[in-house]
Amino acid sequence: QPCDVGLNLPLKNVFKRKVTDFMVTHYQ
């Protein structure tokens, strides 16, 4: 399944980083 093979993992990793960036920037 292409999403499972090539998309989901990088999507998850980048999202985790963006969430951290959001919390550091907005203090919430």
mmCIF file of all heavy atoms, coordinates in Angstrom:
data_MODEL
# 
_entry.id   MODEL 
# 
loop_
_atom_site.group_PDB 
_atom_site.id 
_atom_site.type_symbol 
_atom_site.label_atom_id 
_atom_site.label_alt_id 
_atom_site.label_comp_id 
_atom_site.label_asym_id 
_atom_site.label_entity_id 
_atom_site.label_seq_id 
_atom_site.pdbx_PDB_ins_code 
_atom_site.Cartn_x 
_atom_site.Cartn_y 
_atom_site.Cartn_z 
_atom_site.occupancy 
_atom_site.B_iso_or_equiv 
_atom_site.pdbx_formal_charge 
_atom_site.auth_seq_id 
_atom_site.auth_comp_id 
_atom_site.auth_asym_id 
_atom_site.auth_atom_id 
_atom_site.pdbx_PDB_model_num 
ATOM 1   N N   . GLN A 1 1  ? 0.859  -1.181 0.000  1.00 0.00 ? 1  GLN A N   1 
ATOM 2   C CA  . GLN A 1 1  ? 0.000  0.000  0.000  1.00 0.00 ? 1  GLN A CA  1 
ATOM 3   C C   . GLN A 1 1  ? 0.898  1.235  0.000  1.00 0.00 ? 1  GLN A C   1 
ATOM 4   O O   . GLN A 1 1  ? 1.631  1.479  0.946  1.00 0.00 ? 1  GLN A O   1 
ATOM 5   C CB  . GLN A 1 1  ? -0.902 -0.004 1.244  1.00 0.00 ? 1  GLN A CB  1 
ATOM 6   C CG  . GLN A 1 1  ? -2.340 0.412  0.992  1.00 0.00 ? 1  GLN A CG  1 
ATOM 7   C CD  . GLN A 1 1  ? -2.501 1.913  0.763  1.00 0.00 ? 1  GLN A CD  1 
ATOM 8   O OE1 . GLN A 1 1  ? -1.537 2.646  0.808  1.00 0.00 ? 1  GLN A OE1 1 
ATOM 9   N NE2 . GLN A 1 1  ? -3.707 2.343  0.505  1.00 0.00 ? 1  GLN A NE2 1 
ATOM 10  N N   . PRO A 1 2  ? 0.867  2.054  -1.070 1.00 0.00 ? 2  PRO A N   1 
ATOM 11  C CA  . PRO A 1 2  ? 1.809  3.175  -1.178 1.00 0.00 ? 2  PRO A CA  1 
ATOM 12  C C   . PRO A 1 2  ? 1.825  4.116  0.020  1.00 0.00 ? 2  PRO A C   1 
ATOM 13  O O   . PRO A 1 2  ? 2.893  4.573  0.430  1.00 0.00 ? 2  PRO A O   1 
ATOM 14  C CB  . PRO A 1 2  ? 1.347  3.887  -2.449 1.00 0.00 ? 2  PRO A CB  1 
ATOM 15  C CG  . PRO A 1 2  ? 0.769  2.782  -3.284 1.00 0.00 ? 2  PRO A CG  1 
ATOM 16  C CD  . PRO A 1 2  ? 0.070  1.878  -2.306 1.00 0.00 ? 2  PRO A CD  1 
ATOM 17  N N   . CYS A 1 3  ? 0.671  4.425  0.602  1.00 0.00 ? 3  CYS A N   1 
ATOM 18  C CA  . CYS A 1 3  ? 0.661  5.320  1.764  1.00 0.00 ? 3  CYS A CA  1 
ATOM 19  C C   . CYS A 1 3  ? 1.410  4.697  2.935  1.00 0.00 ? 3  CYS A C   1 
ATOM 20  O O   . CYS A 1 3  ? 2.161  5.380  3.639  1.00 0.00 ? 3  CYS A O   1 
ATOM 21  C CB  . CYS A 1 3  ? -0.779 5.647  2.168  1.00 0.00 ? 3  CYS A CB  1 
ATOM 22  S SG  . CYS A 1 3  ? -1.556 6.895  1.124  1.00 0.00 ? 3  CYS A SG  1 
ATOM 23  N N   . ASP A 1 4  ? 1.215  3.407  3.156  1.00 0.00 ? 4  ASP A N   1 
ATOM 24  C CA  . ASP A 1 4  ? 1.912  2.725  4.243  1.00 0.00 ? 4  ASP A CA  1 
ATOM 25  C C   . ASP A 1 4  ? 3.415  2.649  3.983  1.00 0.00 ? 4  ASP A C   1 
ATOM 26  O O   . ASP A 1 4  ? 4.231  2.793  4.901  1.00 0.00 ? 4  ASP A O   1 
ATOM 27  C CB  . ASP A 1 4  ? 1.360  1.303  4.412  1.00 0.00 ? 4  ASP A CB  1 
ATOM 28  C CG  . ASP A 1 4  ? 0.063  1.278  5.204  1.00 0.00 ? 4  ASP A CG  1 
ATOM 29  O OD1 . ASP A 1 4  ? -0.427 2.365  5.560  1.00 0.00 ? 4  ASP A OD1 1 
ATOM 30  O OD2 . ASP A 1 4  ? -0.463 0.187  5.455  1.00 0.00 ? 4  ASP A OD2 1 
ATOM 31  N N   . VAL A 1 5  ? 3.790  2.429  2.744  1.00 0.00 ? 5  VAL A N   1 
ATOM 32  C CA  . VAL A 1 5  ? 5.196  2.204  2.406  1.00 0.00 ? 5  VAL A CA  1 
ATOM 33  C C   . VAL A 1 5  ? 5.998  3.505  2.341  1.00 0.00 ? 5  VAL A C   1 
ATOM 34  O O   . VAL A 1 5  ? 7.117  3.578  2.862  1.00 0.00 ? 5  VAL A O   1 
ATOM 35  C CB  . VAL A 1 5  ? 5.312  1.446  1.067  1.00 0.00 ? 5  VAL A CB  1 
ATOM 36  C CG1 . VAL A 1 5  ? 6.767  1.369  0.594  1.00 0.00 ? 5  VAL A CG1 1 
ATOM 37  C CG2 . VAL A 1 5  ? 4.726  0.048  1.194  1.00 0.00 ? 5  VAL A CG2 1 
ATOM 38  N N   . GLY A 1 6  ? 5.438  4.541  1.707  1.00 0.00 ? 6  GLY A N   1 
ATOM 39  C CA  . GLY A 1 6  ? 6.250  5.720  1.439  1.00 0.00 ? 6  GLY A CA  1 
ATOM 40  C C   . GLY A 1 6  ? 5.811  7.027  2.057  1.00 0.00 ? 6  GLY A C   1 
ATOM 41  O O   . GLY A 1 6  ? 6.571  8.000  2.033  1.00 0.00 ? 6  GLY A O   1 
ATOM 42  N N   . LEU A 1 7  ? 4.602  7.088  2.631  1.00 0.00 ? 7  LEU A N   1 
ATOM 43  C CA  . LEU A 1 7  ? 4.082  8.371  3.088  1.00 0.00 ? 7  LEU A CA  1 
ATOM 44  C C   . LEU A 1 7  ? 3.877  8.469  4.593  1.00 0.00 ? 7  LEU A C   1 
ATOM 45  O O   . LEU A 1 7  ? 4.236  9.471  5.214  1.00 0.00 ? 7  LEU A O   1 
ATOM 46  C CB  . LEU A 1 7  ? 2.755  8.675  2.371  1.00 0.00 ? 7  LEU A CB  1 
ATOM 47  C CG  . LEU A 1 7  ? 2.097  10.011 2.714  1.00 0.00 ? 7  LEU A CG  1 
ATOM 48  C CD1 . LEU A 1 7  ? 2.977  11.182 2.282  1.00 0.00 ? 7  LEU A CD1 1 
ATOM 49  C CD2 . LEU A 1 7  ? 0.721  10.117 2.059  1.00 0.00 ? 7  LEU A CD2 1 
ATOM 50  N N   . ASN A 1 8  ? 3.302  7.456  5.202  1.00 0.00 ? 8  ASN A N   1 
ATOM 51  C CA  . ASN A 1 8  ? 2.867  7.581  6.598  1.00 0.00 ? 8  ASN A CA  1 
ATOM 52  C C   . ASN A 1 8  ? 3.999  7.867  7.579  1.00 0.00 ? 8  ASN A C   1 
ATOM 53  O O   . ASN A 1 8  ? 3.846  8.689  8.489  1.00 0.00 ? 8  ASN A O   1 
ATOM 54  C CB  . ASN A 1 8  ? 2.120  6.315  7.029  1.00 0.00 ? 8  ASN A CB  1 
ATOM 55  C CG  . ASN A 1 8  ? 0.754  6.215  6.382  1.00 0.00 ? 8  ASN A CG  1 
ATOM 56  O OD1 . ASN A 1 8  ? 0.264  7.169  5.778  1.00 0.00 ? 8  ASN A OD1 1 
ATOM 57  N ND2 . ASN A 1 8  ? 0.132  5.056  6.494  1.00 0.00 ? 8  ASN A ND2 1 
ATOM 58  N N   . LEU A 1 9  ? 5.124  7.179  7.415  1.00 0.00 ? 9  LEU A N   1 
ATOM 59  C CA  . LEU A 1 9  ? 6.229  7.379  8.359  1.00 0.00 ? 9  LEU A CA  1 
ATOM 60  C C   . LEU A 1 9  ? 6.808  8.782  8.281  1.00 0.00 ? 9  LEU A C   1 
ATOM 61  O O   . LEU A 1 9  ? 6.938  9.456  9.316  1.00 0.00 ? 9  LEU A O   1 
ATOM 62  C CB  . LEU A 1 9  ? 7.304  6.319  8.167  1.00 0.00 ? 9  LEU A CB  1 
ATOM 63  C CG  . LEU A 1 9  ? 8.461  6.371  9.173  1.00 0.00 ? 9  LEU A CG  1 
ATOM 64  C CD1 . LEU A 1 9  ? 7.945  6.251  10.604 1.00 0.00 ? 9  LEU A CD1 1 
ATOM 65  C CD2 . LEU A 1 9  ? 9.486  5.280  8.873  1.00 0.00 ? 9  LEU A CD2 1 
ATOM 66  N N   . PRO A 1 10 ? 7.193  9.279  7.088  1.00 0.00 ? 10 PRO A N   1 
ATOM 67  C CA  . PRO A 1 10 ? 7.688  10.666 7.048  1.00 0.00 ? 10 PRO A CA  1 
ATOM 68  C C   . PRO A 1 10 ? 6.633  11.676 7.485  1.00 0.00 ? 10 PRO A C   1 
ATOM 69  O O   . PRO A 1 10 ? 6.952  12.683 8.120  1.00 0.00 ? 10 PRO A O   1 
ATOM 70  C CB  . PRO A 1 10 ? 8.081  10.871 5.575  1.00 0.00 ? 10 PRO A CB  1 
ATOM 71  C CG  . PRO A 1 10 ? 7.446  9.752  4.827  1.00 0.00 ? 10 PRO A CG  1 
ATOM 72  C CD  . PRO A 1 10 ? 7.313  8.619  5.767  1.00 0.00 ? 10 PRO A CD  1 
ATOM 73  N N   . LEU A 1 11 ? 5.372  11.397 7.187  1.00 0.00 ? 11 LEU A N   1 
ATOM 74  C CA  . LEU A 1 11 ? 4.300  12.289 7.610  1.00 0.00 ? 11 LEU A CA  1 
ATOM 75  C C   . LEU A 1 11 ? 4.234  12.350 9.139  1.00 0.00 ? 11 LEU A C   1 
ATOM 76  O O   . LEU A 1 11 ? 4.120  13.427 9.731  1.00 0.00 ? 11 LEU A O   1 
ATOM 77  C CB  . LEU A 1 11 ? 2.970  11.794 7.045  1.00 0.00 ? 11 LEU A CB  1 
ATOM 78  C CG  . LEU A 1 11 ? 1.796  12.786 7.007  1.00 0.00 ? 11 LEU A CG  1 
ATOM 79  C CD1 . LEU A 1 11 ? 2.107  13.932 6.063  1.00 0.00 ? 11 LEU A CD1 1 
ATOM 80  C CD2 . LEU A 1 11 ? 0.530  12.077 6.567  1.00 0.00 ? 11 LEU A CD2 1 
ATOM 81  N N   . LYS A 1 12 ? 4.337  11.193 9.772  1.00 0.00 ? 12 LYS A N   1 
ATOM 82  C CA  . LYS A 1 12 ? 4.303  11.135 11.231 1.00 0.00 ? 12 LYS A CA  1 
ATOM 83  C C   . LYS A 1 12 ? 5.492  11.870 11.835 1.00 0.00 ? 12 LYS A C   1 
ATOM 84  O O   . LYS A 1 12 ? 5.342  12.643 12.791 1.00 0.00 ? 12 LYS A O   1 
ATOM 85  C CB  . LYS A 1 12 ? 4.301  9.673  11.686 1.00 0.00 ? 12 LYS A CB  1 
ATOM 86  C CG  . LYS A 1 12 ? 4.326  9.488  13.192 1.00 0.00 ? 12 LYS A CG  1 
ATOM 87  C CD  . LYS A 1 12 ? 4.345  8.011  13.557 1.00 0.00 ? 12 LYS A CD  1 
ATOM 88  C CE  . LYS A 1 12 ? 4.418  7.811  15.070 1.00 0.00 ? 12 LYS A CE  1 
ATOM 89  N NZ  . LYS A 1 12 ? 4.432  6.375  15.433 1.00 0.00 ? 12 LYS A NZ  1 
ATOM 90  N N   . ASN A 1 13 ? 6.677  11.649 11.292 1.00 0.00 ? 13 ASN A N   1 
ATOM 91  C CA  . ASN A 1 13 ? 7.884  12.267 11.853 1.00 0.00 ? 13 ASN A CA  1 
ATOM 92  C C   . ASN A 1 13 ? 7.871  13.786 11.702 1.00 0.00 ? 13 ASN A C   1 
ATOM 93  O O   . ASN A 1 13 ? 8.235  14.522 12.631 1.00 0.00 ? 13 ASN A O   1 
ATOM 94  C CB  . ASN A 1 13 ? 9.125  11.687 11.186 1.00 0.00 ? 13 ASN A CB  1 
ATOM 95  C CG  . ASN A 1 13 ? 9.363  10.234 11.561 1.00 0.00 ? 13 ASN A CG  1 
ATOM 96  O OD1 . ASN A 1 13 ? 8.878  9.765  12.590 1.00 0.00 ? 13 ASN A OD1 1 
ATOM 97  N ND2 . ASN A 1 13 ? 10.087 9.509  10.726 1.00 0.00 ? 13 ASN A ND2 1 
ATOM 98  N N   . VAL A 1 14 ? 7.469  14.256 10.532 1.00 0.00 ? 14 VAL A N   1 
ATOM 99  C CA  . VAL A 1 14 ? 7.420  15.703 10.314 1.00 0.00 ? 14 VAL A CA  1 
ATOM 100 C C   . VAL A 1 14 ? 6.338  16.337 11.190 1.00 0.00 ? 14 VAL A C   1 
ATOM 101 O O   . VAL A 1 14 ? 6.538  17.409 11.764 1.00 0.00 ? 14 VAL A O   1 
ATOM 102 C CB  . VAL A 1 14 ? 7.166  16.029 8.825  1.00 0.00 ? 14 VAL A CB  1 
ATOM 103 C CG1 . VAL A 1 14 ? 6.954  17.533 8.626  1.00 0.00 ? 14 VAL A CG1 1 
ATOM 104 C CG2 . VAL A 1 14 ? 8.328  15.560 7.972  1.00 0.00 ? 14 VAL A CG2 1 
ATOM 105 N N   . PHE A 1 15 ? 5.199  15.667 11.324 1.00 0.00 ? 15 PHE A N   1 
ATOM 106 C CA  . PHE A 1 15 ? 4.122  16.195 12.150 1.00 0.00 ? 15 PHE A CA  1 
ATOM 107 C C   . PHE A 1 15 ? 4.567  16.349 13.609 1.00 0.00 ? 15 PHE A C   1 
ATOM 108 O O   . PHE A 1 15 ? 4.276  17.361 14.256 1.00 0.00 ? 15 PHE A O   1 
ATOM 109 C CB  . PHE A 1 15 ? 2.887  15.302 12.060 1.00 0.00 ? 15 PHE A CB  1 
ATOM 110 C CG  . PHE A 1 15 ? 1.729  15.772 12.903 1.00 0.00 ? 15 PHE A CG  1 
ATOM 111 C CD1 . PHE A 1 15 ? 1.037  16.927 12.566 1.00 0.00 ? 15 PHE A CD1 1 
ATOM 112 C CD2 . PHE A 1 15 ? 1.339  15.072 14.031 1.00 0.00 ? 15 PHE A CD2 1 
ATOM 113 C CE1 . PHE A 1 15 ? -0.019 17.378 13.342 1.00 0.00 ? 15 PHE A CE1 1 
ATOM 114 C CE2 . PHE A 1 15 ? 0.286  15.510 14.817 1.00 0.00 ? 15 PHE A CE2 1 
ATOM 115 C CZ  . PHE A 1 15 ? -0.402 16.664 14.473 1.00 0.00 ? 15 PHE A CZ  1 
ATOM 116 N N   . LYS A 1 16 ? 5.268  15.360 14.127 1.00 0.00 ? 16 LYS A N   1 
ATOM 117 C CA  . LYS A 1 16 ? 5.760  15.443 15.508 1.00 0.00 ? 16 LYS A CA  1 
ATOM 118 C C   . LYS A 1 16 ? 6.663  16.665 15.687 1.00 0.00 ? 16 LYS A C   1 
ATOM 119 O O   . LYS A 1 16 ? 6.589  17.363 16.701 1.00 0.00 ? 16 LYS A O   1 
ATOM 120 C CB  . LYS A 1 16 ? 6.512  14.166 15.874 1.00 0.00 ? 16 LYS A CB  1 
ATOM 121 C CG  . LYS A 1 16 ? 5.617  12.950 16.054 1.00 0.00 ? 16 LYS A CG  1 
ATOM 122 C CD  . LYS A 1 16 ? 6.414  11.673 16.240 1.00 0.00 ? 16 LYS A CD  1 
ATOM 123 C CE  . LYS A 1 16 ? 7.241  11.687 17.493 1.00 0.00 ? 16 LYS A CE  1 
ATOM 124 N NZ  . LYS A 1 16 ? 7.939  10.386 17.700 1.00 0.00 ? 16 LYS A NZ  1 
ATOM 125 N N   . ARG A 1 17 ? 7.499  16.913 14.689 1.00 0.00 ? 17 ARG A N   1 
ATOM 126 C CA  . ARG A 1 17 ? 8.389  18.074 14.766 1.00 0.00 ? 17 ARG A CA  1 
ATOM 127 C C   . ARG A 1 17 ? 7.604  19.378 14.698 1.00 0.00 ? 17 ARG A C   1 
ATOM 128 O O   . ARG A 1 17 ? 7.900  20.336 15.435 1.00 0.00 ? 17 ARG A O   1 
ATOM 129 C CB  . ARG A 1 17 ? 9.427  17.998 13.646 1.00 0.00 ? 17 ARG A CB  1 
ATOM 130 C CG  . ARG A 1 17 ? 10.320 19.216 13.543 1.00 0.00 ? 17 ARG A CG  1 
ATOM 131 C CD  . ARG A 1 17 ? 11.593 18.932 12.774 1.00 0.00 ? 17 ARG A CD  1 
ATOM 132 N NE  . ARG A 1 17 ? 11.359 18.224 11.528 1.00 0.00 ? 17 ARG A NE  1 
ATOM 133 C CZ  . ARG A 1 17 ? 10.963 18.812 10.398 1.00 0.00 ? 17 ARG A CZ  1 
ATOM 134 N NH1 . ARG A 1 17 ? 10.752 20.119 10.372 1.00 0.00 ? 17 ARG A NH1 1 
ATOM 135 N NH2 . ARG A 1 17 ? 10.806 18.103 9.296  1.00 0.00 ? 17 ARG A NH2 1 
ATOM 136 N N   . LYS A 1 18 ? 6.593  19.431 13.828 1.00 0.00 ? 18 LYS A N   1 
ATOM 137 C CA  . LYS A 1 18 ? 5.782  20.643 13.703 1.00 0.00 ? 18 LYS A CA  1 
ATOM 138 C C   . LYS A 1 18 ? 4.971  20.907 14.971 1.00 0.00 ? 18 LYS A C   1 
ATOM 139 O O   . LYS A 1 18 ? 4.757  22.064 15.352 1.00 0.00 ? 18 LYS A O   1 
ATOM 140 C CB  . LYS A 1 18 ? 4.837  20.520 12.503 1.00 0.00 ? 18 LYS A CB  1 
ATOM 141 C CG  . LYS A 1 18 ? 5.526  20.422 11.153 1.00 0.00 ? 18 LYS A CG  1 
ATOM 142 C CD  . LYS A 1 18 ? 6.316  21.668 10.817 1.00 0.00 ? 18 LYS A CD  1 
ATOM 143 C CE  . LYS A 1 18 ? 6.941  21.557 9.429  1.00 0.00 ? 18 LYS A CE  1 
ATOM 144 N NZ  . LYS A 1 18 ? 7.772  22.757 9.101  1.00 0.00 ? 18 LYS A NZ  1 
ATOM 145 N N   . VAL A 1 19 ? 4.515  19.847 15.623 1.00 0.00 ? 19 VAL A N   1 
ATOM 146 C CA  . VAL A 1 19 ? 3.783  20.013 16.883 1.00 0.00 ? 19 VAL A CA  1 
ATOM 147 C C   . VAL A 1 19 ? 4.703  20.614 17.944 1.00 0.00 ? 19 VAL A C   1 
ATOM 148 O O   . VAL A 1 19 ? 4.319  21.528 18.680 1.00 0.00 ? 19 VAL A O   1 
ATOM 149 C CB  . VAL A 1 19 ? 3.206  18.665 17.364 1.00 0.00 ? 19 VAL A CB  1 
ATOM 150 C CG1 . VAL A 1 19 ? 2.669  18.786 18.792 1.00 0.00 ? 19 VAL A CG1 1 
ATOM 151 C CG2 . VAL A 1 19 ? 2.090  18.203 16.434 1.00 0.00 ? 19 VAL A CG2 1 
ATOM 152 N N   . THR A 1 20 ? 5.923  20.099 18.020 1.00 0.00 ? 20 THR A N   1 
ATOM 153 C CA  . THR A 1 20 ? 6.894  20.643 18.977 1.00 0.00 ? 20 THR A CA  1 
ATOM 154 C C   . THR A 1 20 ? 7.180  22.108 18.682 1.00 0.00 ? 20 THR A C   1 
ATOM 155 O O   . THR A 1 20 ? 7.219  22.946 19.591 1.00 0.00 ? 20 THR A O   1 
ATOM 156 C CB  . THR A 1 20 ? 8.208  19.833 18.929 1.00 0.00 ? 20 THR A CB  1 
ATOM 157 O OG1 . THR A 1 20 ? 7.933  18.485 19.304 1.00 0.00 ? 20 THR A OG1 1 
ATOM 158 C CG2 . THR A 1 20 ? 9.235  20.420 19.891 1.00 0.00 ? 20 THR A CG2 1 
ATOM 159 N N   . ASP A 1 21 ? 7.359  22.438 17.402 1.00 0.00 ? 21 ASP A N   1 
ATOM 160 C CA  . ASP A 1 21 ? 7.600  23.829 17.012 1.00 0.00 ? 21 ASP A CA  1 
ATOM 161 C C   . ASP A 1 21 ? 6.431  24.721 17.430 1.00 0.00 ? 21 ASP A C   1 
ATOM 162 O O   . ASP A 1 21 ? 6.619  25.843 17.906 1.00 0.00 ? 21 ASP A O   1 
ATOM 163 C CB  . ASP A 1 21 ? 7.810  23.934 15.498 1.00 0.00 ? 21 ASP A CB  1 
ATOM 164 C CG  . ASP A 1 21 ? 9.096  23.277 15.037 1.00 0.00 ? 21 ASP A CG  1 
ATOM 165 O OD1 . ASP A 1 21 ? 9.960  23.001 15.893 1.00 0.00 ? 21 ASP A OD1 1 
ATOM 166 O OD2 . ASP A 1 21 ? 9.229  23.035 13.825 1.00 0.00 ? 21 ASP A OD2 1 
ATOM 167 N N   . PHE A 1 22 ? 5.218  24.216 17.232 1.00 0.00 ? 22 PHE A N   1 
ATOM 168 C CA  . PHE A 1 22 ? 4.019  24.992 17.592 1.00 0.00 ? 22 PHE A CA  1 
ATOM 169 C C   . PHE A 1 22 ? 3.986  25.269 19.091 1.00 0.00 ? 22 PHE A C   1 
ATOM 170 O O   . PHE A 1 22 ? 3.712  26.395 19.528 1.00 0.00 ? 22 PHE A O   1 
ATOM 171 C CB  . PHE A 1 22 ? 2.760  24.229 17.167 1.00 0.00 ? 22 PHE A CB  1 
ATOM 172 C CG  . PHE A 1 22 ? 1.470  24.891 17.587 1.00 0.00 ? 22 PHE A CG  1 
ATOM 173 C CD1 . PHE A 1 22 ? 0.876  25.838 16.778 1.00 0.00 ? 22 PHE A CD1 1 
ATOM 174 C CD2 . PHE A 1 22 ? 0.866  24.572 18.797 1.00 0.00 ? 22 PHE A CD2 1 
ATOM 175 C CE1 . PHE A 1 22 ? -0.305 26.471 17.162 1.00 0.00 ? 22 PHE A CE1 1 
ATOM 176 C CE2 . PHE A 1 22 ? -0.314 25.194 19.194 1.00 0.00 ? 22 PHE A CE2 1 
ATOM 177 C CZ  . PHE A 1 22 ? -0.900 26.146 18.371 1.00 0.00 ? 22 PHE A CZ  1 
ATOM 178 N N   . MET A 1 23 ? 4.245  24.244 19.893 1.00 0.00 ? 23 MET A N   1 
ATOM 179 C CA  . MET A 1 23 ? 4.170  24.408 21.340 1.00 0.00 ? 23 MET A CA  1 
ATOM 180 C C   . MET A 1 23 ? 5.258  25.341 21.860 1.00 0.00 ? 23 MET A C   1 
ATOM 181 O O   . MET A 1 23 ? 5.026  26.136 22.764 1.00 0.00 ? 23 MET A O   1 
ATOM 182 C CB  . MET A 1 23 ? 4.269  23.036 22.022 1.00 0.00 ? 23 MET A CB  1 
ATOM 183 C CG  . MET A 1 23 ? 3.065  22.146 21.759 1.00 0.00 ? 23 MET A CG  1 
ATOM 184 S SD  . MET A 1 23 ? 3.016  20.660 22.790 1.00 0.00 ? 23 MET A SD  1 
ATOM 185 C CE  . MET A 1 23 ? 4.480  19.801 22.243 1.00 0.00 ? 23 MET A CE  1 
ATOM 186 N N   . VAL A 1 24 ? 6.456  25.271 21.266 1.00 0.00 ? 24 VAL A N   1 
ATOM 187 C CA  . VAL A 1 24 ? 7.548  26.146 21.680 1.00 0.00 ? 24 VAL A CA  1 
ATOM 188 C C   . VAL A 1 24 ? 7.238  27.595 21.304 1.00 0.00 ? 24 VAL A C   1 
ATOM 189 O O   . VAL A 1 24 ? 7.517  28.533 22.055 1.00 0.00 ? 24 VAL A O   1 
ATOM 190 C CB  . VAL A 1 24 ? 8.871  25.693 21.028 1.00 0.00 ? 24 VAL A CB  1 
ATOM 191 C CG1 . VAL A 1 24 ? 9.963  26.742 21.242 1.00 0.00 ? 24 VAL A CG1 1 
ATOM 192 C CG2 . VAL A 1 24 ? 9.307  24.356 21.596 1.00 0.00 ? 24 VAL A CG2 1 
ATOM 193 N N   . THR A 1 25 ? 6.643  27.785 20.130 1.00 0.00 ? 25 THR A N   1 
ATOM 194 C CA  . THR A 1 25 ? 6.349  29.128 19.636 1.00 0.00 ? 25 THR A CA  1 
ATOM 195 C C   . THR A 1 25 ? 5.164  29.773 20.340 1.00 0.00 ? 25 THR A C   1 
ATOM 196 O O   . THR A 1 25 ? 5.180  30.966 20.657 1.00 0.00 ? 25 THR A O   1 
ATOM 197 C CB  . THR A 1 25 ? 6.078  29.091 18.117 1.00 0.00 ? 25 THR A CB  1 
ATOM 198 O OG1 . THR A 1 25 ? 7.194  28.524 17.447 1.00 0.00 ? 25 THR A OG1 1 
ATOM 199 C CG2 . THR A 1 25 ? 5.810  30.490 17.571 1.00 0.00 ? 25 THR A CG2 1 
ATOM 200 N N   . HIS A 1 26 ? 4.111  28.983 20.614 1.00 0.00 ? 26 HIS A N   1 
ATOM 201 C CA  . HIS A 1 26 ? 2.870  29.532 21.152 1.00 0.00 ? 26 HIS A CA  1 
ATOM 202 C C   . HIS A 1 26 ? 2.690  29.303 22.659 1.00 0.00 ? 26 HIS A C   1 
ATOM 203 O O   . HIS A 1 26 ? 1.707  29.759 23.240 1.00 0.00 ? 26 HIS A O   1 
ATOM 204 C CB  . HIS A 1 26 ? 1.671  28.926 20.405 1.00 0.00 ? 26 HIS A CB  1 
ATOM 205 C CG  . HIS A 1 26 ? 1.601  29.300 18.960 1.00 0.00 ? 26 HIS A CG  1 
ATOM 206 N ND1 . HIS A 1 26 ? 2.322  28.640 17.983 1.00 0.00 ? 26 HIS A ND1 1 
ATOM 207 C CD2 . HIS A 1 26 ? 0.911  30.284 18.322 1.00 0.00 ? 26 HIS A CD2 1 
ATOM 208 C CE1 . HIS A 1 26 ? 2.067  29.183 16.819 1.00 0.00 ? 26 HIS A CE1 1 
ATOM 209 N NE2 . HIS A 1 26 ? 1.224  30.182 16.979 1.00 0.00 ? 26 HIS A NE2 1 
ATOM 210 N N   . TYR A 1 27 ? 3.602  28.562 23.261 1.00 0.00 ? 27 TYR A N   1 
ATOM 211 C CA  . TYR A 1 27 ? 3.532  28.289 24.698 1.00 0.00 ? 27 TYR A CA  1 
ATOM 212 C C   . TYR A 1 27 ? 2.187  27.667 25.096 1.00 0.00 ? 27 TYR A C   1 
ATOM 213 O O   . TYR A 1 27 ? 1.620  27.992 26.136 1.00 0.00 ? 27 TYR A O   1 
ATOM 214 C CB  . TYR A 1 27 ? 3.769  29.577 25.514 1.00 0.00 ? 27 TYR A CB  1 
ATOM 215 C CG  . TYR A 1 27 ? 5.088  30.231 25.224 1.00 0.00 ? 27 TYR A CG  1 
ATOM 216 C CD1 . TYR A 1 27 ? 5.152  31.343 24.384 1.00 0.00 ? 27 TYR A CD1 1 
ATOM 217 C CD2 . TYR A 1 27 ? 6.274  29.729 25.764 1.00 0.00 ? 27 TYR A CD2 1 
ATOM 218 C CE1 . TYR A 1 27 ? 6.374  31.940 24.097 1.00 0.00 ? 27 TYR A CE1 1 
ATOM 219 C CE2 . TYR A 1 27 ? 7.496  30.324 25.485 1.00 0.00 ? 27 TYR A CE2 1 
ATOM 220 C CZ  . TYR A 1 27 ? 7.537  31.424 24.644 1.00 0.00 ? 27 TYR A CZ  1 
ATOM 221 O OH  . TYR A 1 27 ? 8.747  32.013 24.356 1.00 0.00 ? 27 TYR A OH  1 
ATOM 222 N N   . GLN A 1 28 ? 1.706  26.793 24.263 1.00 0.00 ? 28 GLN A N   1 
ATOM 223 C CA  . GLN A 1 28 ? 0.449  26.103 24.550 1.00 0.00 ? 28 GLN A CA  1 
ATOM 224 C C   . GLN A 1 28 ? 0.420  24.790 23.777 1.00 0.00 ? 28 GLN A C   1 
ATOM 225 O O   . GLN A 1 28 ? 1.095  24.647 22.758 1.00 0.00 ? 28 GLN A O   1 
ATOM 226 C CB  . GLN A 1 28 ? -0.753 26.965 24.153 1.00 0.00 ? 28 GLN A CB  1 
ATOM 227 C CG  . GLN A 1 28 ? -0.852 27.233 22.646 1.00 0.00 ? 28 GLN A CG  1 
ATOM 228 C CD  . GLN A 1 28 ? -2.003 28.147 22.295 1.00 0.00 ? 28 GLN A CD  1 
ATOM 229 O OE1 . GLN A 1 28 ? -2.343 29.056 23.047 1.00 0.00 ? 28 GLN A OE1 1 
ATOM 230 N NE2 . GLN A 1 28 ? -2.619 27.920 21.150 1.00 0.00 ? 28 GLN A NE2 1 
# 
